[in-house]
C-alpha atoms as a PDB file:
ATOM      1  CA  MET A   1     133.109 108.571 171.613  1.00  0.00           C
ATOM      2  CA  ASP A   2     136.938 106.886 170.568  1.00  0.00           C
ATOM      3  CA  ILE A   3     137.335 105.799 167.190  1.00  0.00           C
ATOM      4  CA  SER A   4     138.711 102.591 168.499  1.00  0.00           C
ATOM      5  CA  MET A   5     135.186 101.731 169.973  1.00  0.00           C
ATOM      6  CA  ILE A   6     133.247 102.911 166.552  1.00  0.00           C
ATOM      7  CA  THR A   7     135.442 100.275 164.742  1.00  0.00           C
ATOM      8  CA  GLN A   8     134.676  97.668 167.224  1.00  0.00           C
ATOM      9  CA  ARG A   9     130.898  98.543 166.814  1.00  0.00           C
ATOM     10  CA  LEU A  10     131.336  97.979 163.156  1.00  0.00           C
ATOM     11  CA  GLY A  11     133.244  94.708 163.648  1.00  0.00           C
ATOM     12  CA  ASN A  12     130.881  93.555 166.088  1.00  0.00           C
ATOM     13  CA  GLN A  13     127.964  93.955 163.642  1.00  0.00           C
ATOM     14  CA  ILE A  14     129.695  92.276 160.491  1.00  0.00           C
ATOM     15  CA  ARG A  15     130.389  89.586 162.681  1.00  0.00           C
ATOM     16  CA  ALA A  16     127.190  88.632 164.113  1.00  0.00           C
ATOM     17  CA  MET A  17     125.368  89.147 159.885  1.00  0.00           C
ATOM     18  CA  ARG A  18     128.284  86.594 158.941  1.00  0.00           C
ATOM     19  CA  ILE A  19     127.056  84.571 161.557  1.00  0.00           C
ATOM     20  CA  ASN A  20     123.545  85.074 161.023  1.00  0.00           C
ATOM     21  CA  ARG A  21     123.480  84.721 157.171  1.00  0.00           C
ATOM     22  CA  GLY A  22     125.049  81.185 157.782  1.00  0.00           C
ATOM     23  CA  TYR A  23     128.658  82.317 156.253  1.00  0.00           C
ATOM     24  CA  LYS A  24     132.004  80.427 157.851  1.00  0.00           C
ATOM     25  CA  GLN A  25     134.748  83.456 157.624  1.00  0.00           C
ATOM     26  CA  ALA A  26     136.542  81.791 154.780  1.00  0.00           C
ATOM     27  CA  ASP A  27     133.312  81.732 152.882  1.00  0.00           C
ATOM     28  CA  LEU A  28     132.433  85.706 153.617  1.00  0.00           C
ATOM     29  CA  ALA A  29     136.248  86.071 152.756  1.00  0.00           C
ATOM     30  CA  ALA A  30     136.117  84.746 149.196  1.00  0.00           C
ATOM     31  CA  LEU A  31     132.879  86.222 148.670  1.00  0.00           C
ATOM     32  CA  ALA A  32     134.574  89.751 149.292  1.00  0.00           C
ATOM     33  CA  GLY A  33     137.619  89.205 147.912  1.00  0.00           C
ATOM     34  CA  ILE A  34     140.094  89.697 150.938  1.00  0.00           C
ATOM     35  CA  THR A  35     142.057  86.991 153.239  1.00  0.00           C
ATOM     36  CA  ARG A  36     140.340  85.075 155.904  1.00  0.00           C
ATOM     37  CA  GLN A  37     143.071  87.065 157.797  1.00  0.00           C
ATOM     38  CA  LYS A  38     141.994  90.508 157.082  1.00  0.00           C
ATOM     39  CA  LEU A  39     138.170  89.414 157.755  1.00  0.00           C
ATOM     40  CA  ILE A  40     139.484  88.085 161.387  1.00  0.00           C
ATOM     41  CA  GLU A  41     140.647  91.769 161.447  1.00  0.00           C
ATOM     42  CA  ILE A  42     137.719  93.713 160.511  1.00  0.00           C
ATOM     43  CA  GLU A  43     135.611  90.964 163.233  1.00  0.00           C
ATOM     44  CA  LYS A  44     137.956  92.865 165.702  1.00  0.00           C
ATOM     45  CA  GLY A  45     137.585  96.220 164.544  1.00  0.00           C
ATOM     46  CA  SER A  46     141.495  97.045 163.979  1.00  0.00           C
ATOM     47  CA  LEU A  47     142.029 100.395 162.633  1.00  0.00           C
ATOM     48  CA  SER A  48     144.896  99.125 160.397  1.00  0.00           C
ATOM     49  CA  VAL A  49     142.754  97.528 157.719  1.00  0.00           C
ATOM     50  CA  ALA A  50     141.676  99.859 154.787  1.00  0.00           C
ATOM     51  CA  MET A  51     137.811 101.140 154.828  1.00  0.00           C
ATOM     52  CA  ASN A  52     138.212  99.232 150.840  1.00  0.00           C
ATOM     53  CA  ALA A  53     138.261  95.861 152.894  1.00  0.00           C
ATOM     54  CA  TYR A  54     135.575  97.226 155.598  1.00  0.00           C
ATOM     55  CA  ALA A  55     133.150  98.248 152.140  1.00  0.00           C
ATOM     56  CA  ARG A  56     133.943  95.287 150.319  1.00  0.00           C
ATOM     57  CA  VAL A  57     133.365  92.893 153.560  1.00  0.00           C
ATOM     58  CA  ILE A  58     130.159  95.387 153.622  1.00  0.00           C
ATOM     59  CA  ALA A  59     128.889  94.781 150.388  1.00  0.00           C
ATOM     60  CA  ALA A  60     129.165  91.155 150.076  1.00  0.00           C
ATOM     61  CA  LEU A  61     127.127  90.986 153.045  1.00  0.00           C
ATOM     62  CA  GLY A  62     124.247  92.707 150.848  1.00  0.00           C
ATOM     63  CA  SER A  63     124.416  95.711 153.377  1.00  0.00           C
ATOM     64  CA  GLU A  64     125.018  99.248 153.431  1.00  0.00           C
ATOM     65  CA  VAL A  65     126.697 101.954 155.966  1.00  0.00           C
ATOM     66  CA  LYS A  66     124.238 104.071 157.666  1.00  0.00           C
ATOM     67  CA  LEU A  67     125.223 106.544 160.397  1.00  0.00           C
ATOM     68  CA  VAL A  68     122.819 106.877 163.822  1.00  0.00           C
ATOM     69  CA  PRO A  69     123.955 109.120 166.411  1.00  0.00           C
ATOM     70  CA  VAL A  70     126.077 108.058 169.085  1.00  0.00           C
ATOM     71  CA  THR A  71     124.152 106.235 172.366  1.00  0.00           C
ATOM     72  CA  MET A  72     126.342 105.780 175.132  1.00  0.00           C
ATOM     73  CA  PRO A  73     128.559 102.649 175.779  1.00  0.00           C
ATOM     74  CA  THR A  74     127.084  99.585 177.246  1.00  0.00           C
ATOM     75  CA  LEU A  75     129.294  98.462 180.706  1.00  0.00           C
ATOM     76  CA  GLU A  76     130.351  95.489 178.744  1.00  0.00           C
ATOM     77  CA  GLU A  77     132.143  97.889 175.957  1.00  0.00           C
ATOM     78  CA  LEU A  78     133.488 100.165 178.571  1.00  0.00           C
ATOM     79  CA  GLU A  79     135.118  96.992 180.502  1.00  0.00           C
ATOM     80  CA  ASP A  80     136.620  96.241 177.228  1.00  0.00           C
ATOM     81  CA  LEU A  81     138.261  99.466 176.820  1.00  0.00           C
ATOM     82  CA  PHE A  82     140.121  99.409 180.252  1.00  0.00           C
ATOM     83  CA  ASP A  83     141.088  95.778 179.460  1.00  0.00           C
ATOM     84  CA  GLU A  84     143.134  97.186 176.518  1.00  0.00           C
END
């Protein structure tokens, strides 16, 4: 699996959890001790953001990372790869 797809999925999950919990980007960024711009990059699945920043956001959401076996990408995810 392409590493950019992994970070994209993680970013999508972080964004969904933030919205589900009713946080604005600025709120979650403040809780995590990072800038709003950094959170935007995390939600995009940026490879240039340090793992520490991802971990801070995940902790601020009161969550943890769980590794699961790879599943086949959806058609939408494949489409996104070709759009880049």
